[in-house]
């Protein structure tokens, strides 16, 4: 136990040092120094760790929350940078793999679809919402192009500029995938009747960055989603909780959902995935659905996803051929 405590203490010290260095950067826009620090951060957080970030001291909890907000801001700047870069090509969708961690979205979206298919048999949604889609809505694109070919996607983001970038890249065509992807500038708290139209709602990892914010968003979704609709929530586990918020399945149950699956990847897919279903209040008596929760922890039958971390060295040298291969999975 003493060795484990020392391991946790050393990790927290390393993460705190990186958080301090990142906070002192003059800009979070892509640069060699920004890339180096975030590479070090991801490398420190991805391996399995005994750390439980929910039990950190108040000081370290404040550090963690500040770090997640820095990660969110940096991720937004990185996506905006590459959205502008991709827009310079005649056919931007042929060059998606130039984004350093496009493979992350490919594999995470596949994982989410497989969990949905396993725990919501026969899932064939007509309308899907993605909350927190950003300037590069890769998740919606991958799901629409490869897993849910008949579904129409409404992408919501607070930032109008992000939606304009996304619309230019993914929503310009009047046929194919582009015709099934729409973009809306809105706060999820302002969505009410709209939420009742969706068969599946995806909640991005960085919508609600503190635990209480995330719980409030989930409760709002539960109040307005239709009975039987599915909710897919991105979370984190272990040291990966320094990068993204950790969602308590109990908060999802309190929000009016039955938790069907909780999956914590052990490979390089960073985000955990929780799949839930909106139910009537009468079905929510008693504790969290233990059987469904346990089933969700079972690894997928399919091979584990594999992708390069967001700051993968040499990612910018990926060829157009690789981009085409990635789209053809």
C-alpha atoms as a PDB file:
ATOM      1  CA  UNK A   1       0.000   0.000   0.000  1.00  0.00           C
ATOM      2  CA  UNK A   2       2.878   2.343   0.796  1.00  0.00           C
ATOM      3  CA  UNK A   3       4.314   1.793  -2.690  1.00  0.00           C
ATOM      4  CA  UNK A   4       0.905   2.524  -4.201  1.00  0.00           C
ATOM      5  CA  UNK A   5       0.592   5.730  -2.187  1.00  0.00           C
ATOM      6  CA  UNK A   6       4.017   6.815  -3.388  1.00  0.00           C
ATOM      7  CA  UNK A   7       3.021   6.073  -6.992  1.00  0.00           C
ATOM      8  CA  UNK A   8      -0.119   8.190  -6.641  1.00  0.00           C
ATOM      9  CA  UNK A   9       1.765  11.020  -4.935  1.00  0.00           C
ATOM     10  CA  UNK A  10       4.411  11.043  -7.670  1.00  0.00           C
ATOM     11  CA  UNK A  11       1.746  11.168 -10.390  1.00  0.00           C
ATOM     12  CA  UNK A  12      -0.139  14.013  -8.725  1.00  0.00           C
ATOM     13  CA  UNK A  13       3.095  15.947  -8.331  1.00  0.00           C
ATOM     14  CA  UNK A  14       3.901  15.448 -12.023  1.00  0.00           C
ATOM     15  CA  UNK A  15       0.403  16.471 -13.119  1.00  0.00           C
ATOM     16  CA  UNK A  16       0.470  19.557 -10.869  1.00  0.00           C
ATOM     17  CA  UNK A  17       3.787  20.593 -12.397  1.00  0.00           C
ATOM     18  CA  UNK A  18       2.411  20.225 -15.908  1.00  0.00           C
ATOM     19  CA  UNK A  19      -0.745  22.125 -14.999  1.00  0.00           C
ATOM     20  CA  UNK A  20       1.370  24.987 -13.669  1.00  0.00           C
ATOM     21  CA  UNK A  21       3.525  25.064 -16.805  1.00  0.00           C
ATOM     22  CA  UNK A  22       0.490  24.977 -19.109  1.00  0.00           C
ATOM     23  CA  UNK A  23      -1.228  27.750 -17.149  1.00  0.00           C
ATOM     24  CA  UNK A  24       1.827  29.975 -17.656  1.00  0.00           C
ATOM     25  CA  UNK A  25       1.840  29.618 -21.439  1.00  0.00           C
ATOM     26  CA  UNK A  26       1.188  32.893 -23.266  1.00  0.00           C
ATOM     27  CA  UNK A  27      -1.153  31.076 -25.650  1.00  0.00           C
ATOM     28  CA  UNK A  28      -2.802  27.659 -25.939  1.00  0.00           C
ATOM     29  CA  UNK A  29      -2.797  27.771 -29.729  1.00  0.00           C
ATOM     30  CA  UNK A  30      -0.835  24.936 -31.394  1.00  0.00           C
ATOM     31  CA  UNK A  31       2.923  25.417 -31.059  1.00  0.00           C
ATOM     32  CA  UNK A  32       5.929  23.195 -30.291  1.00  0.00           C
ATOM     33  CA  UNK A  33       5.800  24.087 -26.577  1.00  0.00           C
ATOM     34  CA  UNK A  34       2.042  23.580 -26.294  1.00  0.00           C
ATOM     35  CA  UNK A  35       2.347  20.266 -28.119  1.00  0.00           C
ATOM     36  CA  UNK A  36       5.205  19.134 -25.877  1.00  0.00           C
ATOM     37  CA  UNK A  37       3.406  19.891 -22.620  1.00  0.00           C
ATOM     38  CA  UNK A  38       0.158  18.255 -23.677  1.00  0.00           C
ATOM     39  CA  UNK A  39       2.047  15.239 -25.007  1.00  0.00           C
ATOM     40  CA  UNK A  40       3.672  14.880 -21.577  1.00  0.00           C
ATOM     41  CA  UNK A  41       0.282  15.283 -19.904  1.00  0.00           C
ATOM     42  CA  UNK A  42      -1.473  12.645 -22.021  1.00  0.00           C
ATOM     43  CA  UNK A  43       1.475  10.270 -21.659  1.00  0.00           C
ATOM     44  CA  UNK A  44       1.275  10.589 -17.864  1.00  0.00           C
ATOM     45  CA  UNK A  45      -2.500  10.086 -17.699  1.00  0.00           C
ATOM     46  CA  UNK A  46      -3.148   7.232 -20.133  1.00  0.00           C
ATOM     47  CA  UNK A  47      -1.458   4.264 -18.356  1.00  0.00           C
ATOM     48  CA  UNK A  48      -3.514   2.406 -15.713  1.00  0.00           C
ATOM     49  CA  UNK A  49      -3.150   4.076 -12.323  1.00  0.00           C
ATOM     50  CA  UNK A  50      -4.454   3.475  -8.788  1.00  0.00           C
ATOM     51  CA  UNK A  51      -5.273   7.173  -8.396  1.00  0.00           C
ATOM     52  CA  UNK A  52      -8.884   8.053  -7.525  1.00  0.00           C
ATOM     53  CA  UNK A  53      -9.305  11.676  -8.521  1.00  0.00           C
ATOM     54  CA  UNK A  54     -12.608  11.904  -6.644  1.00  0.00           C
ATOM     55  CA  UNK A  55     -10.616  11.560  -3.398  1.00  0.00           C
ATOM     56  CA  UNK A  56      -8.038  14.253  -4.070  1.00  0.00           C
ATOM     57  CA  UNK A  57      -7.479  16.998  -1.516  1.00  0.00           C
ATOM     58  CA  UNK A  58      -9.413  20.252  -2.079  1.00  0.00           C
ATOM     59  CA  UNK A  59      -6.211  21.869  -3.359  1.00  0.00           C
ATOM     60  CA  UNK A  60      -5.612  19.122  -5.900  1.00  0.00           C
ATOM     61  CA  UNK A  61      -9.279  19.101  -6.887  1.00  0.00           C
ATOM     62  CA  UNK A  62      -8.992  22.788  -7.764  1.00  0.00           C
ATOM     63  CA  UNK A  63      -5.828  22.023  -9.740  1.00  0.00           C
ATOM     64  CA  UNK A  64      -7.606  19.214 -11.614  1.00  0.00           C
ATOM     65  CA  UNK A  65     -10.619  21.376 -12.490  1.00  0.00           C
ATOM     66  CA  UNK A  66      -8.335  24.157 -13.718  1.00  0.00           C
ATOM     67  CA  UNK A  67      -6.394  21.639 -15.804  1.00  0.00           C
ATOM     68  CA  UNK A  68      -9.555  20.256 -17.431  1.00  0.00           C
ATOM     69  CA  UNK A  69     -10.551  23.787 -18.416  1.00  0.00           C
ATOM     70  CA  UNK A  70      -7.089  24.367 -19.897  1.00  0.00           C
ATOM     71  CA  UNK A  71      -7.407  21.096 -21.834  1.00  0.00           C
ATOM     72  CA  UNK A  72     -10.794  22.199 -23.127  1.00  0.00           C
ATOM     73  CA  UNK A  73      -9.478  25.566 -24.282  1.00  0.00           C
ATOM     74  CA  UNK A  74      -6.431  23.998 -25.953  1.00  0.00           C
ATOM     75  CA  UNK A  75      -8.545  21.357 -27.651  1.00  0.00           C
ATOM     76  CA  UNK A  76     -10.841  24.048 -29.019  1.00  0.00           C
ATOM     77  CA  UNK A  77      -7.904  26.013 -30.440  1.00  0.00           C
ATOM     78  CA  UNK A  78      -6.374  22.879 -31.944  1.00  0.00           C
ATOM     79  CA  UNK A  79      -9.650  21.916 -33.640  1.00  0.00           C
ATOM     80  CA  UNK A  80     -10.202  25.465 -34.945  1.00  0.00           C
ATOM     81  CA  UNK A  81      -6.661  25.507 -36.361  1.00  0.00           C
ATOM     82  CA  UNK A  82      -7.169  22.247 -38.232  1.00  0.00           C
ATOM     83  CA  UNK A  83     -10.670  23.172 -39.355  1.00  0.00           C
ATOM     84  CA  UNK A  84      -9.174  26.222 -41.069  1.00  0.00           C
ATOM     85  CA  UNK A  85      -6.375  24.081 -42.531  1.00  0.00           C
ATOM     86  CA  UNK A  86      -8.770  21.469 -43.896  1.00  0.00           C
ATOM     87  CA  UNK A  87     -10.928  24.203 -45.417  1.00  0.00           C
ATOM     88  CA  UNK A  88      -8.047  25.140 -47.738  1.00  0.00           C
ATOM     89  CA  UNK A  89      -8.370  21.828 -49.611  1.00  0.00           C
ATOM     90  CA  UNK A  90     -10.723  21.366 -52.531  1.00  0.00           C
ATOM     91  CA  UNK A  91     -12.055  18.173 -50.912  1.00  0.00           C
ATOM     92  CA  UNK A  92     -11.540  18.564 -47.140  1.00  0.00           C
ATOM     93  CA  UNK A  93     -13.089  15.184 -46.306  1.00  0.00           C
ATOM     94  CA  UNK A  94     -10.255  13.470 -48.175  1.00  0.00           C
ATOM     95  CA  UNK A  95      -7.741  14.906 -45.715  1.00  0.00           C
ATOM     96  CA  UNK A  96      -9.309  14.307 -42.300  1.00  0.00           C
ATOM     97  CA  UNK A  97      -6.410  12.148 -41.094  1.00  0.00           C
ATOM     98  CA  UNK A  98      -4.182  15.209 -41.122  1.00  0.00           C
ATOM     99  CA  UNK A  99      -5.780  16.019 -37.776  1.00  0.00           C
ATOM    100  CA  UNK A 100      -3.370  14.529 -35.197  1.00  0.00           C
ATOM    101  CA  UNK A 101      -5.943  12.411 -33.389  1.00  0.00           C
ATOM    102  CA  UNK A 102      -8.586  11.757 -36.007  1.00  0.00           C
ATOM    103  CA  UNK A 103      -8.144   8.035 -35.310  1.00  0.00           C
ATOM    104  CA  UNK A 104      -9.298   8.714 -31.754  1.00  0.00           C
ATOM    105  CA  UNK A 105     -12.684   9.798 -33.072  1.00  0.00           C
ATOM    106  CA  UNK A 106     -12.865   6.866 -35.477  1.00  0.00           C
ATOM    107  CA  UNK A 107     -12.288   4.339 -32.709  1.00  0.00           C
ATOM    108  CA  UNK A 108     -14.279   6.099 -30.003  1.00  0.00           C
ATOM    109  CA  UNK A 109     -17.288   6.451 -32.307  1.00  0.00           C
ATOM    110  CA  UNK A 110     -17.023   2.791 -33.247  1.00  0.00           C
ATOM    111  CA  UNK A 111     -16.895   1.866 -29.557  1.00  0.00           C
ATOM    112  CA  UNK A 112     -19.970   3.968 -28.804  1.00  0.00           C
ATOM    113  CA  UNK A 113     -21.910   2.436 -31.666  1.00  0.00           C
ATOM    114  CA  UNK A 114     -20.963  -1.104 -30.614  1.00  0.00           C
ATOM    115  CA  UNK A 115     -22.079  -0.409 -27.051  1.00  0.00           C
ATOM    116  CA  UNK A 116     -25.371   0.992 -28.325  1.00  0.00           C
ATOM    117  CA  UNK A 117     -25.913  -1.976 -30.616  1.00  0.00           C
ATOM    118  CA  UNK A 118     -25.180  -4.400 -27.791  1.00  0.00           C
ATOM    119  CA  UNK A 119     -27.308  -2.799 -25.090  1.00  0.00           C
ATOM    120  CA  UNK A 120     -30.075  -1.299 -27.249  1.00  0.00           C
ATOM    121  CA  UNK A 121     -30.770  -4.170 -29.680  1.00  0.00           C
ATOM    122  CA  UNK A 122     -32.168  -3.146 -33.040  1.00  0.00           C
ATOM    123  CA  UNK A 123     -31.109   0.471 -32.587  1.00  0.00           C
ATOM    124  CA  UNK A 124     -31.861   2.346 -35.815  1.00  0.00           C
ATOM    125  CA  UNK A 125     -32.324   6.005 -34.844  1.00  0.00           C
ATOM    126  CA  UNK A 126     -33.926   8.440 -37.238  1.00  0.00           C
ATOM    127  CA  UNK A 127     -32.728  11.561 -35.402  1.00  0.00           C
ATOM    128  CA  UNK A 128     -29.588  11.990 -33.328  1.00  0.00           C
ATOM    129  CA  UNK A 129     -28.312  14.977 -31.331  1.00  0.00           C
ATOM    130  CA  UNK A 130     -24.672  15.586 -30.511  1.00  0.00           C
ATOM    131  CA  UNK A 131     -24.240  18.126 -27.710  1.00  0.00           C
ATOM    132  CA  UNK A 132     -20.872  19.892 -27.773  1.00  0.00           C
ATOM    133  CA  UNK A 133     -19.860  19.103 -31.355  1.00  0.00           C
ATOM    134  CA  UNK A 134     -17.162  21.773 -31.809  1.00  0.00           C
ATOM    135  CA  UNK A 135     -15.496  22.998 -35.023  1.00  0.00           C
ATOM    136  CA  UNK A 136     -14.542  19.444 -36.091  1.00  0.00           C
ATOM    137  CA  UNK A 137     -17.602  17.212 -35.483  1.00  0.00           C
ATOM    138  CA  UNK A 138     -15.717  14.026 -36.332  1.00  0.00           C
ATOM    139  CA  UNK A 139     -17.869  11.875 -34.052  1.00  0.00           C
ATOM    140  CA  UNK A 140     -21.081  12.794 -35.848  1.00  0.00           C
ATOM    141  CA  UNK A 141     -19.399  12.384 -39.219  1.00  0.00           C
ATOM    142  CA  UNK A 142     -18.010   8.917 -38.457  1.00  0.00           C
ATOM    143  CA  UNK A 143     -21.299   7.755 -36.946  1.00  0.00           C
ATOM    144  CA  UNK A 144     -23.322   9.145 -39.855  1.00  0.00           C
ATOM    145  CA  UNK A 145     -21.005   7.840 -42.560  1.00  0.00           C
ATOM    146  CA  UNK A 146     -20.274   4.373 -41.216  1.00  0.00           C
ATOM    147  CA  UNK A 147     -22.602   3.290 -38.415  1.00  0.00           C
ATOM    148  CA  UNK A 148     -25.938   5.130 -38.631  1.00  0.00           C
ATOM    149  CA  UNK A 149     -26.431   5.685 -42.372  1.00  0.00           C
ATOM    150  CA  UNK A 150     -30.118   6.559 -42.101  1.00  0.00           C
ATOM    151  CA  UNK A 151     -29.914   8.960 -39.172  1.00  0.00           C
ATOM    152  CA  UNK A 152     -30.053  12.746 -39.327  1.00  0.00           C
ATOM    153  CA  UNK A 153     -27.655  14.516 -36.952  1.00  0.00           C
ATOM    154  CA  UNK A 154     -28.269  17.828 -35.189  1.00  0.00           C
ATOM    155  CA  UNK A 155     -24.970  19.162 -33.814  1.00  0.00           C
ATOM    156  CA  UNK A 156     -25.161  21.714 -31.009  1.00  0.00           C
ATOM    157  CA  UNK A 157     -22.381  23.976 -29.785  1.00  0.00           C
ATOM    158  CA  UNK A 158     -22.246  27.209 -27.793  1.00  0.00           C
ATOM    159  CA  UNK A 159     -19.771  28.775 -30.214  1.00  0.00           C
ATOM    160  CA  UNK A 160     -21.140  30.209 -33.434  1.00  0.00           C
ATOM    161  CA  UNK A 161     -17.668  30.371 -34.982  1.00  0.00           C
ATOM    162  CA  UNK A 162     -17.180  26.666 -34.280  1.00  0.00           C
ATOM    163  CA  UNK A 163     -20.447  25.879 -36.032  1.00  0.00           C
ATOM    164  CA  UNK A 164     -19.500  27.991 -39.043  1.00  0.00           C
ATOM    165  CA  UNK A 165     -16.243  26.065 -39.396  1.00  0.00           C
ATOM    166  CA  UNK A 166     -18.057  22.743 -39.028  1.00  0.00           C
ATOM    167  CA  UNK A 167     -20.756  23.715 -41.500  1.00  0.00           C
ATOM    168  CA  UNK A 168     -18.152  24.682 -44.100  1.00  0.00           C
ATOM    169  CA  UNK A 169     -16.435  21.304 -43.828  1.00  0.00           C
ATOM    170  CA  UNK A 170     -19.248  18.840 -43.187  1.00  0.00           C
ATOM    171  CA  UNK A 171     -22.557  20.481 -43.969  1.00  0.00           C
ATOM    172  CA  UNK A 172     -21.918  22.098 -47.320  1.00  0.00           C
ATOM    173  CA  UNK A 173     -23.028  19.222 -49.559  1.00  0.00           C
ATOM    174  CA  UNK A 174     -26.695  18.801 -50.373  1.00  0.00           C
ATOM    175  CA  UNK A 175     -26.483  15.039 -50.660  1.00  0.00           C
ATOM    176  CA  UNK A 176     -24.759  12.201 -48.821  1.00  0.00           C
ATOM    177  CA  UNK A 177     -23.572  12.671 -45.240  1.00  0.00           C
ATOM    178  CA  UNK A 178     -23.583  16.466 -45.484  1.00  0.00           C
ATOM    179  CA  UNK A 179     -27.312  16.488 -46.137  1.00  0.00           C
ATOM    180  CA  UNK A 180     -27.869  14.629 -42.856  1.00  0.00           C
ATOM    181  CA  UNK A 181     -25.788  16.958 -40.657  1.00  0.00           C
ATOM    182  CA  UNK A 182     -27.124  20.254 -39.296  1.00  0.00           C
ATOM    183  CA  UNK A 183     -25.432  22.712 -36.947  1.00  0.00           C
ATOM    184  CA  UNK A 184     -27.040  24.858 -34.263  1.00  0.00           C
ATOM    185  CA  UNK A 185     -25.608  27.475 -31.928  1.00  0.00           C
ATOM    186  CA  UNK A 186     -27.287  26.922 -28.568  1.00  0.00           C
ATOM    187  CA  UNK A 187     -26.741  26.219 -24.884  1.00  0.00           C
ATOM    188  CA  UNK A 188     -28.048  22.801 -23.916  1.00  0.00           C
ATOM    189  CA  UNK A 189     -29.887  24.487 -21.027  1.00  0.00           C
ATOM    190  CA  UNK A 190     -32.010  26.312 -23.600  1.00  0.00           C
ATOM    191  CA  UNK A 191     -33.037  23.132 -25.424  1.00  0.00           C
ATOM    192  CA  UNK A 192     -36.417  21.797 -24.279  1.00  0.00           C
ATOM    193  CA  UNK A 193     -38.953  20.630 -26.863  1.00  0.00           C
ATOM    194  CA  UNK A 194     -36.134  19.962 -29.323  1.00  0.00           C
ATOM    195  CA  UNK A 195     -34.755  17.201 -27.100  1.00  0.00           C
ATOM    196  CA  UNK A 196     -37.985  15.250 -27.314  1.00  0.00           C
ATOM    197  CA  UNK A 197     -37.398  14.639 -31.029  1.00  0.00           C
ATOM    198  CA  UNK A 198     -34.236  12.545 -30.676  1.00  0.00           C
ATOM    199  CA  UNK A 199     -33.837   8.785 -30.498  1.00  0.00           C
ATOM    200  CA  UNK A 200     -30.231   9.120 -29.290  1.00  0.00           C
ATOM    201  CA  UNK A 201     -28.399  12.006 -27.625  1.00  0.00           C
ATOM    202  CA  UNK A 202     -24.601  12.049 -27.378  1.00  0.00           C
ATOM    203  CA  UNK A 203     -23.065  14.228 -24.655  1.00  0.00           C
ATOM    204  CA  UNK A 204     -19.485  15.345 -25.330  1.00  0.00           C
ATOM    205  CA  UNK A 205     -16.896  14.947 -22.598  1.00  0.00           C
ATOM    206  CA  UNK A 206     -16.351  18.666 -22.080  1.00  0.00           C
ATOM    207  CA  UNK A 207     -19.977  19.799 -21.795  1.00  0.00           C
ATOM    208  CA  UNK A 208     -20.125  20.554 -18.086  1.00  0.00           C
ATOM    209  CA  UNK A 209     -16.548  20.411 -16.819  1.00  0.00           C
ATOM    210  CA  UNK A 210     -17.184  20.154 -13.077  1.00  0.00           C
ATOM    211  CA  UNK A 211     -19.171  17.262 -11.578  1.00  0.00           C
ATOM    212  CA  UNK A 212     -22.077  19.469 -10.511  1.00  0.00           C
ATOM    213  CA  UNK A 213     -22.236  21.084 -13.967  1.00  0.00           C
ATOM    214  CA  UNK A 214     -22.328  17.687 -15.663  1.00  0.00           C
ATOM    215  CA  UNK A 215     -25.047  16.437 -13.304  1.00  0.00           C
ATOM    216  CA  UNK A 216     -27.133  19.530 -14.046  1.00  0.00           C
ATOM    217  CA  UNK A 217     -26.838  18.977 -17.812  1.00  0.00           C
ATOM    218  CA  UNK A 218     -27.833  15.313 -17.464  1.00  0.00           C
ATOM    219  CA  UNK A 219     -30.834  16.222 -15.300  1.00  0.00           C
ATOM    220  CA  UNK A 220     -31.942  18.714 -17.961  1.00  0.00           C
ATOM    221  CA  UNK A 221     -31.665  16.049 -20.656  1.00  0.00           C
ATOM    222  CA  UNK A 222     -33.646  13.653 -18.496  1.00  0.00           C
ATOM    223  CA  UNK A 223     -36.400  16.216 -18.041  1.00  0.00           C
ATOM    224  CA  UNK A 224     -36.896  16.727 -21.779  1.00  0.00           C
ATOM    225  CA  UNK A 225     -35.831  13.568 -23.635  1.00  0.00           C
ATOM    226  CA  UNK A 226     -38.600  11.186 -24.634  1.00  0.00           C
ATOM    227  CA  UNK A 227     -39.136   7.895 -22.826  1.00  0.00           C
ATOM    228  CA  UNK A 228     -37.086   5.106 -24.392  1.00  0.00           C
ATOM    229  CA  UNK A 229     -34.522   7.423 -25.986  1.00  0.00           C
ATOM    230  CA  UNK A 230     -30.860   6.546 -25.500  1.00  0.00           C
ATOM    231  CA  UNK A 231     -28.167   8.735 -23.939  1.00  0.00           C
ATOM    232  CA  UNK A 232     -24.450   8.229 -24.594  1.00  0.00           C
ATOM    233  CA  UNK A 233     -22.203  10.063 -22.138  1.00  0.00           C
ATOM    234  CA  UNK A 234     -18.432  10.387 -22.408  1.00  0.00           C
ATOM    235  CA  UNK A 235     -16.606  10.113 -19.118  1.00  0.00           C
ATOM    236  CA  UNK A 236     -13.140   9.215 -17.819  1.00  0.00           C
ATOM    237  CA  UNK A 237     -11.551   6.767 -15.396  1.00  0.00           C
ATOM    238  CA  UNK A 238      -8.438   6.715 -13.221  1.00  0.00           C
ATOM    239  CA  UNK A 239      -5.730   9.218 -14.119  1.00  0.00           C
ATOM    240  CA  UNK A 240      -7.609  10.070 -17.303  1.00  0.00           C
ATOM    241  CA  UNK A 241      -9.839  12.056 -14.971  1.00  0.00           C
ATOM    242  CA  UNK A 242      -7.161  14.753 -15.053  1.00  0.00           C
ATOM    243  CA  UNK A 243      -7.998  15.264 -18.740  1.00  0.00           C
ATOM    244  CA  UNK A 244     -11.784  14.942 -18.725  1.00  0.00           C
ATOM    245  CA  UNK A 245     -14.616  15.081 -16.169  1.00  0.00           C
ATOM    246  CA  UNK A 246     -15.654  11.845 -14.498  1.00  0.00           C
ATOM    247  CA  UNK A 247     -19.389  11.161 -14.657  1.00  0.00           C
ATOM    248  CA  UNK A 248     -20.967   9.300 -11.745  1.00  0.00           C
ATOM    249  CA  UNK A 249     -23.496   6.740 -13.068  1.00  0.00           C
ATOM    250  CA  UNK A 250     -25.619   7.587 -10.043  1.00  0.00           C
ATOM    251  CA  UNK A 251     -26.010  11.139 -11.388  1.00  0.00           C
ATOM    252  CA  UNK A 252     -27.303   9.637 -14.619  1.00  0.00           C
ATOM    253  CA  UNK A 253     -29.822   7.513 -12.713  1.00  0.00           C
ATOM    254  CA  UNK A 254     -30.950  10.525 -10.708  1.00  0.00           C
ATOM    255  CA  UNK A 255     -31.407  12.359 -14.005  1.00  0.00           C
ATOM    256  CA  UNK A 256     -34.115   9.922 -15.037  1.00  0.00           C
ATOM    257  CA  UNK A 257     -32.180   7.216 -16.864  1.00  0.00           C
ATOM    258  CA  UNK A 258     -31.497   3.526 -16.546  1.00  0.00           C
ATOM    259  CA  UNK A 259     -27.759   2.873 -16.866  1.00  0.00           C
ATOM    260  CA  UNK A 260     -27.234   0.088 -19.401  1.00  0.00           C
ATOM    261  CA  UNK A 261     -23.455   0.037 -19.818  1.00  0.00           C
ATOM    262  CA  UNK A 262     -20.333   1.543 -18.284  1.00  0.00           C
ATOM    263  CA  UNK A 263     -17.169   0.856 -20.264  1.00  0.00           C
ATOM    264  CA  UNK A 264     -13.642   1.931 -19.277  1.00  0.00           C
ATOM    265  CA  UNK A 265     -11.211   1.253 -22.142  1.00  0.00           C
ATOM    266  CA  UNK A 266      -7.835  -0.090 -21.106  1.00  0.00           C
ATOM    267  CA  UNK A 267      -6.072   0.802 -24.333  1.00  0.00           C
ATOM    268  CA  UNK A 268      -5.365   4.168 -25.872  1.00  0.00           C
ATOM    269  CA  UNK A 269      -8.989   5.253 -26.278  1.00  0.00           C
ATOM    270  CA  UNK A 270      -9.049   7.828 -23.506  1.00  0.00           C
ATOM    271  CA  UNK A 271     -12.744   8.391 -22.847  1.00  0.00           C
ATOM    272  CA  UNK A 272     -14.959   6.033 -20.922  1.00  0.00           C
ATOM    273  CA  UNK A 273     -18.466   5.548 -22.337  1.00  0.00           C
ATOM    274  CA  UNK A 274     -21.760   5.273 -20.465  1.00  0.00           C
ATOM    275  CA  UNK A 275     -24.930   4.182 -22.278  1.00  0.00           C
ATOM    276  CA  UNK A 276     -28.299   4.870 -20.657  1.00  0.00           C
ATOM    277  CA  UNK A 277     -32.001   4.890 -21.527  1.00  0.00           C
ATOM    278  CA  UNK A 278     -34.676   7.404 -20.522  1.00  0.00           C
ATOM    279  CA  UNK A 279     -37.329   5.676 -18.427  1.00  0.00           C
ATOM    280  CA  UNK A 280     -40.464   6.646 -16.530  1.00  0.00           C
ATOM    281  CA  UNK A 281     -40.069   7.557 -12.849  1.00  0.00           C
ATOM    282  CA  UNK A 282     -41.772   4.379 -11.666  1.00  0.00           C
ATOM    283  CA  UNK A 283     -38.929   2.320 -13.083  1.00  0.00           C
ATOM    284  CA  UNK A 284     -36.301   4.204 -11.104  1.00  0.00           C
ATOM    285  CA  UNK A 285     -37.178   3.041  -7.604  1.00  0.00           C
ATOM    286  CA  UNK A 286     -34.370   1.337  -5.710  1.00  0.00           C
ATOM    287  CA  UNK A 287     -30.605   1.465  -6.280  1.00  0.00           C
ATOM    288  CA  UNK A 288     -28.735   1.779  -9.531  1.00  0.00           C
ATOM    289  CA  UNK A 289     -29.488  -1.072 -11.918  1.00  0.00           C
ATOM    290  CA  UNK A 290     -26.639  -3.302 -10.758  1.00  0.00           C
ATOM    291  CA  UNK A 291     -27.048  -6.014 -13.397  1.00  0.00           C
ATOM    292  CA  UNK A 292     -26.965  -3.604 -16.308  1.00  0.00           C
ATOM    293  CA  UNK A 293     -24.081  -1.722 -14.727  1.00  0.00           C
ATOM    294  CA  UNK A 294     -22.084  -4.902 -14.369  1.00  0.00           C
ATOM    295  CA  UNK A 295     -22.817  -5.947 -17.943  1.00  0.00           C
ATOM    296  CA  UNK A 296     -21.534  -2.612 -19.182  1.00  0.00           C
ATOM    297  CA  UNK A 297     -18.154  -3.197 -17.545  1.00  0.00           C
ATOM    298  CA  UNK A 298     -17.556  -6.301 -19.694  1.00  0.00           C
ATOM    299  CA  UNK A 299     -15.118  -5.528 -22.552  1.00  0.00           C
ATOM    300  CA  UNK A 300     -16.508  -5.539 -26.072  1.00  0.00           C
ATOM    301  CA  UNK A 301     -16.328  -8.778 -28.000  1.00  0.00           C
ATOM    302  CA  UNK A 302     -14.719  -6.954 -30.902  1.00  0.00           C
ATOM    303  CA  UNK A 303     -10.953  -6.279 -30.771  1.00  0.00           C
ATOM    304  CA  UNK A 304      -9.999  -3.310 -28.604  1.00  0.00           C
ATOM    305  CA  UNK A 305      -9.780   0.002 -30.369  1.00  0.00           C
ATOM    306  CA  UNK A 306      -6.323   1.343 -31.116  1.00  0.00           C
ATOM    307  CA  UNK A 307      -5.374   4.889 -31.978  1.00  0.00           C
ATOM    308  CA  UNK A 308      -2.559   7.352 -31.675  1.00  0.00           C
ATOM    309  CA  UNK A 309      -2.714   9.911 -28.861  1.00  0.00           C
ATOM    310  CA  UNK A 310      -3.741  13.423 -29.826  1.00  0.00           C
ATOM    311  CA  UNK A 311      -0.166  14.682 -29.923  1.00  0.00           C
ATOM    312  CA  UNK A 312       1.234  11.643 -31.759  1.00  0.00           C
ATOM    313  CA  UNK A 313       4.698  12.416 -33.098  1.00  0.00           C
ATOM    314  CA  UNK A 314       4.774  12.667 -36.852  1.00  0.00           C
ATOM    315  CA  UNK A 315       1.001  12.816 -37.215  1.00  0.00           C
ATOM    316  CA  UNK A 316       1.228  15.765 -39.572  1.00  0.00           C
ATOM    317  CA  UNK A 317       3.126  13.596 -42.037  1.00  0.00           C
ATOM    318  CA  UNK A 318       0.165  11.265 -42.552  1.00  0.00           C
ATOM    319  CA  UNK A 319      -0.407  10.926 -46.259  1.00  0.00           C
ATOM    320  CA  UNK A 320      -3.551  11.445 -48.264  1.00  0.00           C
ATOM    321  CA  UNK A 321      -3.532   7.689 -48.857  1.00  0.00           C
ATOM    322  CA  UNK A 322      -3.800   7.106 -45.106  1.00  0.00           C
ATOM    323  CA  UNK A 323      -6.698   9.524 -44.947  1.00  0.00           C
ATOM    324  CA  UNK A 324      -8.508   7.535 -47.604  1.00  0.00           C
ATOM    325  CA  UNK A 325      -7.793   4.264 -45.791  1.00  0.00           C
ATOM    326  CA  UNK A 326      -9.068   5.685 -42.521  1.00  0.00           C
ATOM    327  CA  UNK A 327     -12.357   6.630 -44.125  1.00  0.00           C
ATOM    328  CA  UNK A 328     -12.705   3.177 -45.651  1.00  0.00           C
ATOM    329  CA  UNK A 329     -12.647   1.204 -42.394  1.00  0.00           C
END
